[in-house]
Amino acid sequence: MIFGRSQRDKAPVEPVTLKILVAGGFGVGKTTLVGAVSEIRPLRTEESLTEVGSPVDDVSGVEGKRTTTVAMDFGRITLRDDLVLYLFGTPGQERFWFLWDELAQGALGAVVLADTRRLEESFAAVDYFERRSIPFVVAVNCFADAARYPAETVRQALDLDPEVPVLLCDARERPSAKEVLIEVVEHARAIAKAAREPALP
């Protein structure tokens, strides 16, 4: 009885909220990942692709794509009672990259989604987070018609530092997307811990 009473009297835990970016090239699955994992109806800023935008929207490799994110995607996921992630999906096309600086403010870390059919589309996001010292992981979205490469092959192709996690995922599946987000949090936590520890003489 005493145990039960103390449990009822316990004050509710105020969750820590963290901001995570979901970035990558055009058509790699950013909107899909945010939508798959979000516990709320995700906010989307998608517009239809048109002939007018064809000179600047390269759909090579994603010819079936009909919409594009023009500002951001937003979602939320509770990982634990005391930990909530706010997810911000960045626009993929170069003409919308000016929004990235604003979205990146206060971010704990980021996911760089990659497509093995178009790995070169990931370079801009990798470079962006490296230059700003924002912890990130690379998640290879396993499209049905895309080649499967070992993580080390992707690491070499993207010229990643050894400590950057590389993992495979299916952006459509909530458990898979959730594992990616957990990896981001753990990676950012490890970097922060290492920064606090005194350097060895």
Protein backbone atom coordinates (compact mmCIF):
# COMPACT_ATOMS: atom_id res chain seq x y z
CA MET A 1 0.00 0.00 0.00
CA ILE A 2 2.78 2.44 0.91
CA PHE A 3 4.47 1.76 -2.43
CA GLY A 4 1.25 2.37 -4.31
CA ARG A 5 0.61 5.61 -2.44
CA SER A 6 4.08 6.96 -3.16
CA GLN A 7 3.63 6.18 -6.84
CA ARG A 8 0.36 8.15 -6.95
CA ASP A 9 1.90 11.09 -5.11
CA LYS A 10 4.91 11.29 -7.42
CA ALA A 11 5.01 14.51 -9.42
CA PRO A 12 4.70 14.09 -13.21
CA VAL A 13 8.00 14.16 -15.06
CA GLU A 14 8.54 17.23 -17.21
CA PRO A 15 9.98 15.85 -20.46
CA VAL A 16 13.13 17.19 -22.04
CA THR A 17 12.46 18.31 -25.62
CA LEU A 18 15.19 18.01 -28.24
CA LYS A 19 15.31 19.22 -31.82
CA ILE A 20 16.45 16.88 -34.59
CA LEU A 21 16.85 17.74 -38.27
CA VAL A 22 16.08 15.27 -41.05
CA ALA A 23 18.09 16.32 -44.09
CA GLY A 24 19.34 14.99 -47.41
CA GLY A 25 18.92 15.39 -51.12
CA PHE A 26 15.80 15.73 -53.19
CA GLY A 27 13.51 12.69 -52.97
CA VAL A 28 15.49 10.64 -50.42
CA GLY A 29 12.51 10.13 -48.07
CA LYS A 30 12.67 12.94 -45.51
CA THR A 31 8.93 13.64 -45.54
CA THR A 32 8.23 9.91 -45.44
CA LEU A 33 10.43 9.36 -42.38
CA VAL A 34 8.93 12.25 -40.42
CA GLY A 35 5.43 11.07 -41.27
CA ALA A 36 6.16 7.44 -40.38
CA VAL A 37 7.50 8.16 -36.93
CA SER A 38 5.50 11.21 -35.80
CA GLU A 39 2.89 10.65 -33.09
CA ILE A 40 1.01 13.75 -34.22
CA ARG A 41 -0.27 14.55 -37.67
CA PRO A 42 2.87 15.94 -39.30
CA LEU A 43 2.95 19.47 -40.64
CA ARG A 44 3.95 19.37 -44.30
CA THR A 45 4.72 22.16 -46.74
CA GLU A 46 4.57 20.21 -49.98
CA GLU A 47 3.78 21.61 -53.39
CA SER A 48 3.27 19.84 -56.68
CA LEU A 49 6.18 19.67 -59.10
CA THR A 50 5.44 21.58 -62.28
CA GLU A 51 6.93 22.05 -65.72
CA VAL A 52 7.95 25.55 -64.67
CA GLY A 53 10.27 24.13 -62.01
CA SER A 54 11.76 21.44 -64.23
CA PRO A 55 14.92 23.43 -65.07
CA VAL A 56 15.87 23.60 -61.35
CA ASP A 57 14.25 20.44 -59.96
CA ASP A 58 16.35 17.50 -61.12
CA VAL A 59 14.16 14.41 -60.83
CA SER A 60 16.73 12.02 -62.27
CA GLY A 61 16.36 8.76 -60.38
CA VAL A 62 13.07 9.84 -58.78
CA GLU A 63 10.98 10.34 -61.91
CA GLY A 64 7.82 9.22 -60.09
CA LYS A 65 8.02 12.03 -57.54
CA ARG A 66 5.08 14.44 -57.85
CA THR A 67 5.51 16.78 -54.84
CA THR A 68 8.34 18.55 -53.06
CA THR A 69 8.87 20.15 -49.65
CA VAL A 70 9.22 23.92 -50.01
CA ALA A 71 9.79 24.94 -46.36
CA MET A 72 9.89 22.07 -43.86
CA ASP A 73 8.19 19.03 -42.40
CA PHE A 74 7.46 18.95 -38.69
CA GLY A 75 6.66 16.01 -36.42
CA ARG A 76 7.02 14.86 -32.83
CA ILE A 77 7.90 11.57 -31.18
CA THR A 78 8.12 10.63 -27.50
CA LEU A 79 11.05 8.26 -27.00
CA ARG A 80 10.53 8.01 -23.22
CA ASP A 81 8.31 9.65 -20.64
CA ASP A 82 11.09 12.18 -20.08
CA LEU A 83 12.32 12.62 -23.65
CA VAL A 84 10.47 14.14 -26.62
CA LEU A 85 11.98 14.80 -30.04
CA TYR A 86 10.79 17.55 -32.35
CA LEU A 87 11.60 16.63 -35.94
CA PHE A 88 12.24 19.18 -38.66
CA GLY A 89 12.59 17.89 -42.21
CA THR A 90 14.58 20.23 -44.43
CA PRO A 91 13.80 20.98 -48.08
CA GLY A 92 16.02 19.08 -50.47
CA GLN A 93 16.44 21.38 -53.45
CA GLU A 94 19.31 23.84 -53.54
CA ARG A 95 16.99 26.81 -54.10
CA PHE A 96 15.51 26.27 -50.60
CA TRP A 97 18.79 25.76 -48.73
CA PHE A 98 18.63 29.30 -47.30
CA LEU A 99 16.05 27.87 -44.85
CA TRP A 100 18.51 25.41 -43.36
CA ASP A 101 20.28 27.95 -41.12
CA GLU A 102 17.05 28.89 -39.40
CA LEU A 103 15.92 25.28 -39.01
CA ALA A 104 19.33 24.26 -37.61
CA GLN A 105 19.27 26.73 -34.72
CA GLY A 106 19.19 24.83 -31.43
CA ALA A 107 19.34 21.40 -33.06
CA LEU A 108 20.83 18.59 -30.98
CA GLY A 109 21.74 16.60 -34.09
CA ALA A 110 20.65 15.51 -37.53
CA VAL A 111 19.87 12.59 -39.79
CA VAL A 112 21.31 12.67 -43.29
CA LEU A 113 19.13 10.38 -45.37
CA ALA A 114 20.93 8.83 -48.32
CA ASP A 115 19.89 6.95 -51.45
CA THR A 116 22.54 4.62 -52.91
CA ARG A 117 21.26 5.39 -56.41
CA ARG A 118 22.22 9.04 -55.89
CA LEU A 119 24.77 9.18 -53.09
CA GLU A 120 26.18 12.45 -54.45
CA GLU A 121 22.92 14.12 -53.33
CA SER A 122 24.07 13.62 -49.72
CA PHE A 123 27.31 15.60 -49.96
CA ALA A 124 25.71 18.99 -49.35
CA ALA A 125 24.00 17.87 -46.13
CA VAL A 126 27.12 16.10 -44.85
CA ASP A 127 29.21 19.19 -45.55
CA TYR A 128 26.64 21.47 -43.91
CA PHE A 129 26.64 19.61 -40.59
CA GLU A 130 30.39 19.02 -40.56
CA ARG A 131 31.06 22.74 -41.04
CA ARG A 132 28.73 23.64 -38.17
CA SER A 133 29.87 20.82 -35.85
CA ILE A 134 26.32 19.49 -35.56
CA PRO A 135 26.38 15.75 -34.72
CA PHE A 136 24.78 13.65 -37.43
CA VAL A 137 24.24 10.09 -38.57
CA VAL A 138 23.87 8.84 -42.12
CA ALA A 139 20.83 6.63 -42.68
CA VAL A 140 20.69 4.81 -46.01
CA ASN A 141 17.05 4.57 -47.05
CA CYS A 142 16.65 1.10 -48.59
CA PHE A 143 14.58 1.69 -51.71
CA ALA A 144 13.36 -1.48 -53.41
CA ASP A 145 15.33 -0.91 -56.61
CA ALA A 146 18.46 0.49 -54.94
CA ALA A 147 21.71 -1.44 -54.47
CA ARG A 148 22.54 -2.56 -50.93
CA TYR A 149 26.05 -1.58 -49.91
CA PRO A 150 27.84 -2.27 -46.62
CA ALA A 151 27.99 0.69 -44.24
CA GLU A 152 31.75 0.97 -44.72
CA THR A 153 31.32 1.34 -48.48
CA VAL A 154 28.88 4.21 -47.94
CA ARG A 155 31.26 5.77 -45.40
CA GLN A 156 34.10 5.74 -47.92
CA ALA A 157 31.92 7.05 -50.74
CA LEU A 158 30.79 10.01 -48.62
CA ASP A 159 34.26 10.50 -47.08
CA LEU A 160 32.83 10.37 -43.54
CA ASP A 161 34.85 10.50 -40.35
CA PRO A 162 35.16 7.11 -38.60
CA GLU A 163 32.96 8.17 -35.68
CA VAL A 164 29.94 9.09 -37.82
CA PRO A 165 27.36 6.28 -37.52
CA VAL A 166 26.09 4.80 -40.80
CA LEU A 167 23.02 2.58 -40.72
CA LEU A 168 20.40 1.13 -43.03
CA CYS A 169 16.73 2.02 -42.63
CA ASP A 170 13.32 1.88 -44.23
CA ALA A 171 11.90 5.40 -43.89
CA ARG A 172 8.35 4.03 -44.30
CA GLU A 173 8.56 1.85 -41.19
CA ARG A 174 8.10 3.45 -37.77
CA PRO A 175 10.40 1.01 -35.86
CA SER A 176 13.19 1.53 -38.38
CA ALA A 177 12.84 5.32 -38.36
CA LYS A 178 12.73 5.32 -34.56
CA GLU A 179 16.02 3.40 -34.39
CA VAL A 180 17.63 6.06 -36.56
CA LEU A 181 16.47 8.82 -34.21
CA ILE A 182 17.69 6.93 -31.14
CA GLU A 183 21.09 6.62 -32.85
CA VAL A 184 21.20 10.39 -33.38
CA VAL A 185 20.48 11.08 -29.70
CA GLU A 186 23.07 8.55 -28.53
CA HIS A 187 25.68 9.87 -30.95
CA ALA A 188 25.11 13.49 -29.88
CA ARG A 189 25.23 12.44 -26.23
CA ALA A 190 28.57 10.65 -26.75
CA ILE A 191 30.05 13.72 -28.45
CA ALA A 192 28.87 16.02 -25.65
CA LYS A 193 30.29 13.66 -23.02
CA ALA A 194 33.66 13.51 -24.79
CA ALA A 195 33.76 17.32 -24.96
CA ARG A 196 33.21 17.55 -21.17
CA GLU A 197 35.98 15.08 -20.32
CA PRO A 198 39.43 16.57 -19.73
CA ALA A 199 42.01 15.83 -22.40
CA LEU A 200 44.67 13.28 -21.48
CA PRO A 201 48.14 14.79 -20.92
